[in-house]
Amino acid sequence: MTMRREWLLSFGAVVLAFLSTQHHNLMMLLLALGLGDAGMSVMTDVPLVRTAMLVVSLVMVGAIGYEISRRGRPRAMRITGALSILFTLGLAGWSLLHFGL
């Protein structure tokens, strides 16, 4: 039962990190569905929303980094957490390079 819980926690961390960096894709989805004005106006009129999403991404990187650095964590959790961190930092960096802060 413990192994199943650890896999669930590892998977949950990856899902949360992935979702926290998907603001651009969510905006494109809104555009594709015809709801683009709502999504675009929030991101352009309230840049604090995008900044908050980037901050949450970095907080998740810190939390995952702390969890995988603790002694006794299973290898699967460490590998999944490390991949999640790399993926999140890559997407956040890409977002900063293309759209600025």
PDB file of N, CA and C in Angstrom:
ATOM      1  N   MET A   1       0.819  -1.190   0.000  1.00  0.00           N
ATOM      2  CA  MET A   1       0.000   0.000   0.000  1.00  0.00           C
ATOM      3  C   MET A   1       0.867   1.261   0.000  1.00  0.00           C
ATOM      4  N   THR A   2       2.020   1.222   0.672  1.00  0.00           N
ATOM      5  CA  THR A   2       2.892   2.385   0.738  1.00  0.00           C
ATOM      6  C   THR A   2       3.451   2.722  -0.645  1.00  0.00           C
ATOM      7  N   MET A   3       3.837   1.702  -1.400  1.00  0.00           N
ATOM      8  CA  MET A   3       4.384   1.934  -2.734  1.00  0.00           C
ATOM      9  C   MET A   3       3.347   2.613  -3.629  1.00  0.00           C
ATOM     10  N   ARG A   4       2.106   2.203  -3.530  1.00  0.00           N
ATOM     11  CA  ARG A   4       1.045   2.794  -4.337  1.00  0.00           C
ATOM     12  C   ARG A   4       0.854   4.267  -3.966  1.00  0.00           C
ATOM     13  N   ARG A   5       0.917   4.566  -2.662  1.00  0.00           N
ATOM     14  CA  ARG A   5       0.762   5.946  -2.201  1.00  0.00           C
ATOM     15  C   ARG A   5       1.918   6.811  -2.704  1.00  0.00           C
ATOM     16  N   GLU A   6       3.129   6.268  -2.682  1.00  0.00           N
ATOM     17  CA  GLU A   6       4.292   7.021  -3.151  1.00  0.00           C
ATOM     18  C   GLU A   6       4.194   7.326  -4.642  1.00  0.00           C
ATOM     19  N   TRP A   7       3.744   6.360  -5.412  1.00  0.00           N
ATOM     20  CA  TRP A   7       3.560   6.598  -6.839  1.00  0.00           C
ATOM     21  C   TRP A   7       2.488   7.657  -7.064  1.00  0.00           C
ATOM     22  N   LEU A   8       1.420   7.609  -6.279  1.00  0.00           N
ATOM     23  CA  LEU A   8       0.354   8.596  -6.401  1.00  0.00           C
ATOM     24  C   LEU A   8       0.872   9.985  -6.069  1.00  0.00           C
ATOM     25  N   LEU A   9       1.671  10.115  -5.019  1.00  0.00           N
ATOM     26  CA  LEU A   9       2.246  11.402  -4.662  1.00  0.00           C
ATOM     27  C   LEU A   9       3.196  11.905  -5.745  1.00  0.00           C
ATOM     28  N   SER A  10       3.996  11.028  -6.299  1.00  0.00           N
ATOM     29  CA  SER A  10       4.915  11.417  -7.366  1.00  0.00           C
ATOM     30  C   SER A  10       4.149  11.874  -8.600  1.00  0.00           C
ATOM     31  N   PHE A  11       3.147  11.125  -8.973  1.00  0.00           N
ATOM     32  CA  PHE A  11       2.339  11.483 -10.135  1.00  0.00           C
ATOM     33  C   PHE A  11       1.606  12.798  -9.892  1.00  0.00           C
ATOM     34  N   GLY A  12       1.089  12.979  -8.683  1.00  0.00           N
ATOM     35  CA  GLY A  12       0.387  14.216  -8.347  1.00  0.00           C
ATOM     36  C   GLY A  12       1.291  15.429  -8.454  1.00  0.00           C
ATOM     37  N   ALA A  13       2.547  15.295  -8.039  1.00  0.00           N
ATOM     38  CA  ALA A  13       3.500  16.396  -8.140  1.00  0.00           C
ATOM     39  C   ALA A  13       3.749  16.772  -9.592  1.00  0.00           C
ATOM     40  N   VAL A  14       3.879  15.768 -10.444  1.00  0.00           N
ATOM     41  CA  VAL A  14       4.098  16.031 -11.870  1.00  0.00           C
ATOM     42  C   VAL A  14       2.880  16.723 -12.473  1.00  0.00           C
ATOM     43  N   VAL A  15       1.702  16.254 -12.141  1.00  0.00           N
ATOM     44  CA  VAL A  15       0.471  16.859 -12.678  1.00  0.00           C
ATOM     45  C   VAL A  15       0.346  18.307 -12.231  1.00  0.00           C
ATOM     46  N   LEU A  16       0.575  18.582 -10.955  1.00  0.00           N
ATOM     47  CA  LEU A  16       0.484  19.955 -10.462  1.00  0.00           C
ATOM     48  C   LEU A  16       1.524  20.860 -11.109  1.00  0.00           C
ATOM     49  N   ALA A  17       2.740  20.381 -11.240  1.00  0.00           N
ATOM     50  CA  ALA A  17       3.790  21.178 -11.875  1.00  0.00           C
ATOM     51  C   ALA A  17       3.445  21.436 -13.344  1.00  0.00           C
ATOM     52  N   PHE A  18       2.926  20.428 -13.995  1.00  0.00           N
ATOM     53  CA  PHE A  18       2.543  20.587 -15.405  1.00  0.00           C
ATOM     54  C   PHE A  18       1.415  21.607 -15.549  1.00  0.00           C
ATOM     55  N   LEU A  19       0.398  21.496 -14.720  1.00  0.00           N
ATOM     56  CA  LEU A  19      -0.735  22.414 -14.812  1.00  0.00           C
ATOM     57  C   LEU A  19      -0.347  23.845 -14.460  1.00  0.00           C
ATOM     58  N   SER A  20       0.572  24.002 -13.539  1.00  0.00           N
ATOM     59  CA  SER A  20       0.948  25.356 -13.131  1.00  0.00           C
ATOM     60  C   SER A  20       1.728  26.095 -14.214  1.00  0.00           C
ATOM     61  N   THR A  21       2.244  25.403 -15.192  1.00  0.00           N
ATOM     62  CA  THR A  21       3.009  26.054 -16.249  1.00  0.00           C
ATOM     63  C   THR A  21       2.236  26.127 -17.568  1.00  0.00           C
ATOM     64  N   GLN A  22       0.997  25.789 -17.562  1.00  0.00           N
ATOM     65  CA  GLN A  22       0.245  25.686 -18.809  1.00  0.00           C
ATOM     66  C   GLN A  22      -0.624  26.898 -19.128  1.00  0.00           C
ATOM     67  N   HIS A  23      -0.300  28.058 -18.582  1.00  0.00           N
ATOM     68  CA  HIS A  23      -1.146  29.211 -18.837  1.00  0.00           C
ATOM     69  C   HIS A  23      -1.206  29.574 -20.321  1.00  0.00           C
ATOM     70  N   HIS A  24      -0.101  29.427 -21.035  1.00  0.00           N
ATOM     71  CA  HIS A  24      -0.110  29.757 -22.455  1.00  0.00           C
ATOM     72  C   HIS A  24      -0.992  28.784 -23.243  1.00  0.00           C
ATOM     73  N   ASN A  25      -0.875  27.498 -22.960  1.00  0.00           N
ATOM     74  CA  ASN A  25      -1.705  26.511 -23.653  1.00  0.00           C
ATOM     75  C   ASN A  25      -3.178  26.697 -23.325  1.00  0.00           C
ATOM     76  N   LEU A  26      -3.478  27.049 -22.081  1.00  0.00           N
ATOM     77  CA  LEU A  26      -4.873  27.311 -21.723  1.00  0.00           C
ATOM     78  C   LEU A  26      -5.415  28.516 -22.490  1.00  0.00           C
ATOM     79  N   MET A  27      -4.572  29.528 -22.677  1.00  0.00           N
ATOM     80  CA  MET A  27      -4.991  30.679 -23.460  1.00  0.00           C
ATOM     81  C   MET A  27      -5.267  30.288 -24.908  1.00  0.00           C
ATOM     82  N   MET A  28      -4.408  29.454 -25.481  1.00  0.00           N
ATOM     83  CA  MET A  28      -4.609  29.014 -26.862  1.00  0.00           C
ATOM     84  C   MET A  28      -5.876  28.174 -26.988  1.00  0.00           C
ATOM     85  N   LEU A  29      -6.154  27.366 -25.966  1.00  0.00           N
ATOM     86  CA  LEU A  29      -7.383  26.581 -25.966  1.00  0.00           C
ATOM     87  C   LEU A  29      -8.603  27.497 -25.930  1.00  0.00           C
ATOM     88  N   LEU A  30      -8.539  28.540 -25.116  1.00  0.00           N
ATOM     89  CA  LEU A  30      -9.634  29.505 -25.083  1.00  0.00           C
ATOM     90  C   LEU A  30      -9.826  30.162 -26.444  1.00  0.00           C
ATOM     91  N   LEU A  31      -8.726  30.493 -27.108  1.00  0.00           N
ATOM     92  CA  LEU A  31      -8.828  31.073 -28.447  1.00  0.00           C
ATOM     93  C   LEU A  31      -9.472  30.095 -29.420  1.00  0.00           C
ATOM     94  N   ALA A  32      -9.063  28.848 -29.363  1.00  0.00           N
ATOM     95  CA  ALA A  32      -9.593  27.833 -30.277  1.00  0.00           C
ATOM     96  C   ALA A  32     -11.085  27.608 -30.063  1.00  0.00           C
ATOM     97  N   LEU A  33     -11.530  27.743 -28.825  1.00  0.00           N
ATOM     98  CA  LEU A  33     -12.942  27.533 -28.515  1.00  0.00           C
ATOM     99  C   LEU A  33     -13.789  28.780 -28.715  1.00  0.00           C
ATOM    100  N   GLY A  34     -13.156  29.858 -29.137  1.00  0.00           N
ATOM    101  CA  GLY A  34     -13.914  31.084 -29.362  1.00  0.00           C
ATOM    102  C   GLY A  34     -14.065  31.935 -28.115  1.00  0.00           C
ATOM    103  N   LEU A  35     -13.391  31.584 -27.066  1.00  0.00           N
ATOM    104  CA  LEU A  35     -13.475  32.367 -25.836  1.00  0.00           C
ATOM    105  C   LEU A  35     -12.192  33.166 -25.616  1.00  0.00           C
ATOM    106  N   GLY A  36     -11.529  33.498 -26.707  1.00  0.00           N
ATOM    107  CA  GLY A  36     -10.217  34.112 -26.624  1.00  0.00           C
ATOM    108  C   GLY A  36     -10.192  35.474 -25.980  1.00  0.00           C
ATOM    109  N   ASP A  37     -11.244  36.248 -26.187  1.00  0.00           N
ATOM    110  CA  ASP A  37     -11.240  37.586 -25.606  1.00  0.00           C
ATOM    111  C   ASP A  37     -11.137  37.536 -24.087  1.00  0.00           C
ATOM    112  N   ALA A  38     -11.831  36.585 -23.499  1.00  0.00           N
ATOM    113  CA  ALA A  38     -11.793  36.469 -22.039  1.00  0.00           C
ATOM    114  C   ALA A  38     -10.400  36.077 -21.562  1.00  0.00           C
ATOM    115  N   GLY A  39      -9.819  35.070 -22.182  1.00  0.00           N
ATOM    116  CA  GLY A  39      -8.489  34.610 -21.772  1.00  0.00           C
ATOM    117  C   GLY A  39      -7.402  35.619 -22.076  1.00  0.00           C
ATOM    118  N   MET A  40      -7.458  36.229 -23.239  1.00  0.00           N
ATOM    119  CA  MET A  40      -6.436  37.184 -23.621  1.00  0.00           C
ATOM    120  C   MET A  40      -6.518  38.440 -22.774  1.00  0.00           C
ATOM    121  N   SER A  41      -7.712  38.887 -22.481  1.00  0.00           N
ATOM    122  CA  SER A  41      -7.830  40.122 -21.709  1.00  0.00           C
ATOM    123  C   SER A  41      -7.324  39.941 -20.283  1.00  0.00           C
ATOM    124  N   VAL A  42      -7.531  38.765 -19.714  1.00  0.00           N
ATOM    125  CA  VAL A  42      -7.035  38.540 -18.358  1.00  0.00           C
ATOM    126  C   VAL A  42      -5.516  38.569 -18.345  1.00  0.00           C
ATOM    127  N   MET A  43      -4.874  37.927 -19.308  1.00  0.00           N
ATOM    128  CA  MET A  43      -3.414  37.865 -19.323  1.00  0.00           C
ATOM    129  C   MET A  43      -2.782  39.207 -19.676  1.00  0.00           C
ATOM    130  N   THR A  44      -3.441  40.026 -20.497  1.00  0.00           N
ATOM    131  CA  THR A  44      -2.854  41.313 -20.864  1.00  0.00           C
ATOM    132  C   THR A  44      -3.243  42.425 -19.895  1.00  0.00           C
ATOM    133  N   ASP A  45      -4.470  42.405 -19.414  1.00  0.00           N
ATOM    134  CA  ASP A  45      -4.925  43.462 -18.515  1.00  0.00           C
ATOM    135  C   ASP A  45      -4.478  43.246 -17.075  1.00  0.00           C
ATOM    136  N   VAL A  46      -4.284  42.007 -16.697  1.00  0.00           N
ATOM    137  CA  VAL A  46      -3.902  41.696 -15.324  1.00  0.00           C
ATOM    138  C   VAL A  46      -2.632  40.824 -15.363  1.00  0.00           C
ATOM    139  N   PRO A  47      -1.482  41.454 -15.587  1.00  0.00           N
ATOM    140  CA  PRO A  47      -0.251  40.669 -15.657  1.00  0.00           C
ATOM    141  C   PRO A  47       0.082  39.985 -14.332  1.00  0.00           C
ATOM    142  N   LEU A  48      -0.551  40.414 -13.279  1.00  0.00           N
ATOM    143  CA  LEU A  48      -0.336  39.791 -11.976  1.00  0.00           C
ATOM    144  C   LEU A  48      -0.764  38.316 -11.994  1.00  0.00           C
ATOM    145  N   VAL A  49      -1.763  37.981 -12.823  1.00  0.00           N
ATOM    146  CA  VAL A  49      -2.229  36.594 -12.926  1.00  0.00           C
ATOM    147  C   VAL A  49      -1.113  35.714 -13.486  1.00  0.00           C
ATOM    148  N   ARG A  50      -0.468  36.172 -14.552  1.00  0.00           N
ATOM    149  CA  ARG A  50       0.626  35.396 -15.143  1.00  0.00           C
ATOM    150  C   ARG A  50       1.803  35.316 -14.182  1.00  0.00           C
ATOM    151  N   THR A  51       2.115  36.420 -13.534  1.00  0.00           N
ATOM    152  CA  THR A  51       3.199  36.423 -12.559  1.00  0.00           C
ATOM    153  C   THR A  51       2.902  35.463 -11.420  1.00  0.00           C
ATOM    154  N   ALA A  52       1.664  35.447 -10.967  1.00  0.00           N
ATOM    155  CA  ALA A  52       1.275  34.535  -9.884  1.00  0.00           C
ATOM    156  C   ALA A  52       1.436  33.083 -10.328  1.00  0.00           C
ATOM    157  N   MET A  53       1.091  32.787 -11.578  1.00  0.00           N
ATOM    158  CA  MET A  53       1.246  31.425 -12.082  1.00  0.00           C
ATOM    159  C   MET A  53       2.718  31.017 -12.119  1.00  0.00           C
ATOM    160  N   LEU A  54       3.581  31.941 -12.515  1.00  0.00           N
ATOM    161  CA  LEU A  54       5.009  31.639 -12.539  1.00  0.00           C
ATOM    162  C   LEU A  54       5.557  31.447 -11.123  1.00  0.00           C
ATOM    163  N   VAL A  55       5.077  32.262 -10.186  1.00  0.00           N
ATOM    164  CA  VAL A  55       5.520  32.129  -8.796  1.00  0.00           C
ATOM    165  C   VAL A  55       5.073  30.788  -8.222  1.00  0.00           C
ATOM    166  N   VAL A  56       3.847  30.385  -8.510  1.00  0.00           N
ATOM    167  CA  VAL A  56       3.356  29.087  -8.031  1.00  0.00           C
ATOM    168  C   VAL A  56       4.199  27.956  -8.619  1.00  0.00           C
ATOM    169  N   SER A  57       4.594  28.107  -9.862  1.00  0.00           N
ATOM    170  CA  SER A  57       5.462  27.101 -10.483  1.00  0.00           C
ATOM    171  C   SER A  57       6.770  26.981  -9.719  1.00  0.00           C
ATOM    172  N   LEU A  58       7.365  28.115  -9.369  1.00  0.00           N
ATOM    173  CA  LEU A  58       8.634  28.089  -8.648  1.00  0.00           C
ATOM    174  C   LEU A  58       8.464  27.577  -7.216  1.00  0.00           C
ATOM    175  N   VAL A  59       7.336  27.873  -6.595  1.00  0.00           N
ATOM    176  CA  VAL A  59       7.061  27.329  -5.264  1.00  0.00           C
ATOM    177  C   VAL A  59       6.950  25.814  -5.332  1.00  0.00           C
ATOM    178  N   MET A  60       6.290  25.313  -6.370  1.00  0.00           N
ATOM    179  CA  MET A  60       6.173  23.865  -6.535  1.00  0.00           C
ATOM    180  C   MET A  60       7.550  23.233  -6.780  1.00  0.00           C
ATOM    181  N   VAL A  61       8.404  23.906  -7.530  1.00  0.00           N
ATOM    182  CA  VAL A  61       9.761  23.394  -7.749  1.00  0.00           C
ATOM    183  C   VAL A  61      10.482  23.275  -6.414  1.00  0.00           C
ATOM    184  N   GLY A  62      10.353  24.294  -5.580  1.00  0.00           N
ATOM    185  CA  GLY A  62      10.982  24.253  -4.268  1.00  0.00           C
ATOM    186  C   GLY A  62      10.433  23.143  -3.387  1.00  0.00           C
ATOM    187  N   ALA A  63       9.101  22.999  -3.387  1.00  0.00           N
ATOM    188  CA  ALA A  63       8.473  21.963  -2.561  1.00  0.00           C
ATOM    189  C   ALA A  63       8.868  20.565  -3.033  1.00  0.00           C
ATOM    190  N   ILE A  64       8.870  20.355  -4.323  1.00  0.00           N
ATOM    191  CA  ILE A  64       9.245  19.047  -4.863  1.00  0.00           C
ATOM    192  C   ILE A  64      10.721  18.782  -4.606  1.00  0.00           C
ATOM    193  N   GLY A  65      11.549  19.819  -4.783  1.00  0.00           N
ATOM    194  CA  GLY A  65      12.972  19.668  -4.502  1.00  0.00           C
ATOM    195  C   GLY A  65      13.230  19.290  -3.056  1.00  0.00           C
ATOM    196  N   TYR A  66      12.504  19.909  -2.155  1.00  0.00           N
ATOM    197  CA  TYR A  66      12.646  19.582  -0.736  1.00  0.00           C
ATOM    198  C   TYR A  66      12.222  18.132  -0.470  1.00  0.00           C
ATOM    199  N   GLU A  67      11.110  17.733  -1.045  1.00  0.00           N
ATOM    200  CA  GLU A  67      10.606  16.375  -0.810  1.00  0.00           C
ATOM    201  C   GLU A  67      11.544  15.305  -1.351  1.00  0.00           C
ATOM    202  N   ILE A  68      12.085  15.529  -2.537  1.00  0.00           N
ATOM    203  CA  ILE A  68      12.950  14.487  -3.099  1.00  0.00           C
ATOM    204  C   ILE A  68      14.330  14.485  -2.454  1.00  0.00           C
ATOM    205  N   SER A  69      14.690  15.556  -1.755  1.00  0.00           N
ATOM    206  CA  SER A  69      15.999  15.593  -1.102  1.00  0.00           C
ATOM    207  C   SER A  69      15.965  14.973   0.295  1.00  0.00           C
ATOM    208  N   ARG A  70      14.784  14.708   0.801  1.00  0.00           N
ATOM    209  CA  ARG A  70      14.683  14.108   2.130  1.00  0.00           C
ATOM    210  C   ARG A  70      15.128  12.662   2.097  1.00  0.00           C
ATOM    211  N   ARG A  71      15.735  12.260   3.177  1.00  0.00           N
ATOM    212  CA  ARG A  71      16.256  10.901   3.301  1.00  0.00           C
ATOM    213  C   ARG A  71      15.114   9.886   3.295  1.00  0.00           C
ATOM    214  N   GLY A  72      15.344   8.775   2.655  1.00  0.00           N
ATOM    215  CA  GLY A  72      14.380   7.677   2.682  1.00  0.00           C
ATOM    216  C   GLY A  72      13.307   7.735   1.612  1.00  0.00           C
ATOM    217  N   ARG A  73      13.403   8.709   0.706  1.00  0.00           N
ATOM    218  CA  ARG A  73      12.404   8.777  -0.364  1.00  0.00           C
ATOM    219  C   ARG A  73      12.720   7.699  -1.393  1.00  0.00           C
ATOM    220  N   PRO A  74      11.694   7.069  -1.943  1.00  0.00           N
ATOM    221  CA  PRO A  74      11.935   6.018  -2.937  1.00  0.00           C
ATOM    222  C   PRO A  74      12.511   6.595  -4.240  1.00  0.00           C
ATOM    223  N   ARG A  75      13.207   5.742  -4.944  1.00  0.00           N
ATOM    224  CA  ARG A  75      13.845   6.144  -6.194  1.00  0.00           C
ATOM    225  C   ARG A  75      12.823   6.667  -7.205  1.00  0.00           C
ATOM    226  N   ALA A  76      11.673   6.021  -7.282  1.00  0.00           N
ATOM    227  CA  ALA A  76      10.651   6.456  -8.244  1.00  0.00           C
ATOM    228  C   ALA A  76      10.206   7.888  -7.957  1.00  0.00           C
ATOM    229  N   MET A  77      10.060   8.219  -6.695  1.00  0.00           N
ATOM    230  CA  MET A  77       9.646   9.574  -6.337  1.00  0.00           C
ATOM    231  C   MET A  77      10.745  10.577  -6.669  1.00  0.00           C
ATOM    232  N   ARG A  78      11.989  10.199  -6.440  1.00  0.00           N
ATOM    233  CA  ARG A  78      13.102  11.100  -6.748  1.00  0.00           C
ATOM    234  C   ARG A  78      13.221  11.351  -8.249  1.00  0.00           C
ATOM    235  N   ILE A  79      13.098  10.289  -9.036  1.00  0.00           N
ATOM    236  CA  ILE A  79      13.211  10.434 -10.490  1.00  0.00           C
ATOM    237  C   ILE A  79      12.052  11.252 -11.043  1.00  0.00           C
ATOM    238  N   THR A  80      10.853  10.928 -10.623  1.00  0.00           N
ATOM    239  CA  THR A  80       9.682  11.654 -11.105  1.00  0.00           C
ATOM    240  C   THR A  80       9.729  13.111 -10.668  1.00  0.00           C
ATOM    241  N   GLY A  81      10.131  13.346  -9.436  1.00  0.00           N
ATOM    242  CA  GLY A  81      10.249  14.717  -8.945  1.00  0.00           C
ATOM    243  C   GLY A  81      11.301  15.501  -9.705  1.00  0.00           C
ATOM    244  N   ALA A  82      12.435  14.881  -9.980  1.00  0.00           N
ATOM    245  CA  ALA A  82      13.493  15.561 -10.731  1.00  0.00           C
ATOM    246  C   ALA A  82      13.032  15.895 -12.146  1.00  0.00           C
ATOM    247  N   LEU A  83      12.351  14.963 -12.784  1.00  0.00           N
ATOM    248  CA  LEU A  83      11.806  15.244 -14.124  1.00  0.00           C
ATOM    249  C   LEU A  83      10.788  16.376 -14.075  1.00  0.00           C
ATOM    250  N   SER A  84       9.971  16.374 -13.050  1.00  0.00           N
ATOM    251  CA  SER A  84       8.980  17.434 -12.886  1.00  0.00           C
ATOM    252  C   SER A  84       9.655  18.791 -12.725  1.00  0.00           C
ATOM    253  N   ILE A  85      10.714  18.831 -11.926  1.00  0.00           N
ATOM    254  CA  ILE A  85      11.451  20.081 -11.719  1.00  0.00           C
ATOM    255  C   ILE A  85      12.065  20.566 -13.022  1.00  0.00           C
ATOM    256  N   LEU A  86      12.701  19.672 -13.758  1.00  0.00           N
ATOM    257  CA  LEU A  86      13.318  20.050 -15.028  1.00  0.00           C
ATOM    258  C   LEU A  86      12.274  20.556 -16.027  1.00  0.00           C
ATOM    259  N   PHE A  87      11.161  19.846 -16.105  1.00  0.00           N
ATOM    260  CA  PHE A  87      10.092  20.232 -17.023  1.00  0.00           C
ATOM    261  C   PHE A  87       9.520  21.602 -16.651  1.00  0.00           C
ATOM    262  N   THR A  88       9.273  21.806 -15.369  1.00  0.00           N
ATOM    263  CA  THR A  88       8.693  23.070 -14.901  1.00  0.00           C
ATOM    264  C   THR A  88       9.650  24.228 -15.130  1.00  0.00           C
ATOM    265  N   LEU A  89      10.930  24.049 -14.774  1.00  0.00           N
ATOM    266  CA  LEU A  89      11.897  25.124 -14.984  1.00  0.00           C
ATOM    267  C   LEU A  89      12.083  25.415 -16.466  1.00  0.00           C
ATOM    268  N   GLY A  90      12.039  24.368 -17.295  1.00  0.00           N
ATOM    269  CA  GLY A  90      12.144  24.573 -18.730  1.00  0.00           C
ATOM    270  C   GLY A  90      10.984  25.381 -19.285  1.00  0.00           C
ATOM    271  N   LEU A  91       9.777  25.032 -18.890  1.00  0.00           N
ATOM    272  CA  LEU A  91       8.609  25.773 -19.376  1.00  0.00           C
ATOM    273  C   LEU A  91       8.550  27.192 -18.820  1.00  0.00           C
ATOM    274  N   ALA A  92       8.890  27.355 -17.555  1.00  0.00           N
ATOM    275  CA  ALA A  92       8.888  28.703 -16.966  1.00  0.00           C
ATOM    276  C   ALA A  92       9.961  29.562 -17.630  1.00  0.00           C
ATOM    277  N   GLY A  93      11.130  28.991 -17.873  1.00  0.00           N
ATOM    278  CA  GLY A  93      12.188  29.731 -18.566  1.00  0.00           C
ATOM    279  C   GLY A  93      11.791  30.112 -19.974  1.00  0.00           C
ATOM    280  N   TRP A  94      11.181  29.179 -20.667  1.00  0.00           N
ATOM    281  CA  TRP A  94      10.704  29.460 -22.030  1.00  0.00           C
ATOM    282  C   TRP A  94       9.689  30.599 -22.009  1.00  0.00           C
ATOM    283  N   SER A  95       8.777  30.547 -21.048  1.00  0.00           N
ATOM    284  CA  SER A  95       7.756  31.591 -20.927  1.00  0.00           C
ATOM    285  C   SER A  95       8.386  32.955 -20.658  1.00  0.00           C
ATOM    286  N   LEU A  96       9.380  32.982 -19.783  1.00  0.00           N
ATOM    287  CA  LEU A  96      10.055  34.248 -19.472  1.00  0.00           C
ATOM    288  C   LEU A  96      10.820  34.793 -20.680  1.00  0.00           C
ATOM    289  N   LEU A  97      11.465  33.896 -21.437  1.00  0.00           N
ATOM    290  CA  LEU A  97      12.204  34.340 -22.609  1.00  0.00           C
ATOM    291  C   LEU A  97      11.289  34.903 -23.689  1.00  0.00           C
ATOM    292  N   HIS A  98      10.145  34.277 -23.880  1.00  0.00           N
ATOM    293  CA  HIS A  98       9.247  34.693 -24.953  1.00  0.00           C
ATOM    294  C   HIS A  98       8.311  35.835 -24.563  1.00  0.00           C
ATOM    295  N   PHE A  99       7.905  35.891 -23.312  1.00  0.00           N
ATOM    296  CA  PHE A  99       6.891  36.863 -22.913  1.00  0.00           C
ATOM    297  C   PHE A  99       7.375  37.849 -21.864  1.00  0.00           C
ATOM    298  N   GLY A 100       8.582  37.645 -21.338  1.00  0.00           N
ATOM    299  CA  GLY A 100       9.108  38.550 -20.311  1.00  0.00           C
ATOM    300  C   GLY A 100       8.404  38.335 -18.986  1.00  0.00           C
ATOM    301  N   LEU A 101       8.791  39.148 -18.030  1.00  0.00           N
ATOM    302  CA  LEU A 101       8.199  39.031 -16.704  1.00  0.00           C
ATOM    303  C   LEU A 101       7.012  39.924 -16.629  1.00  0.00           C
TER     304      LEU A 101
END
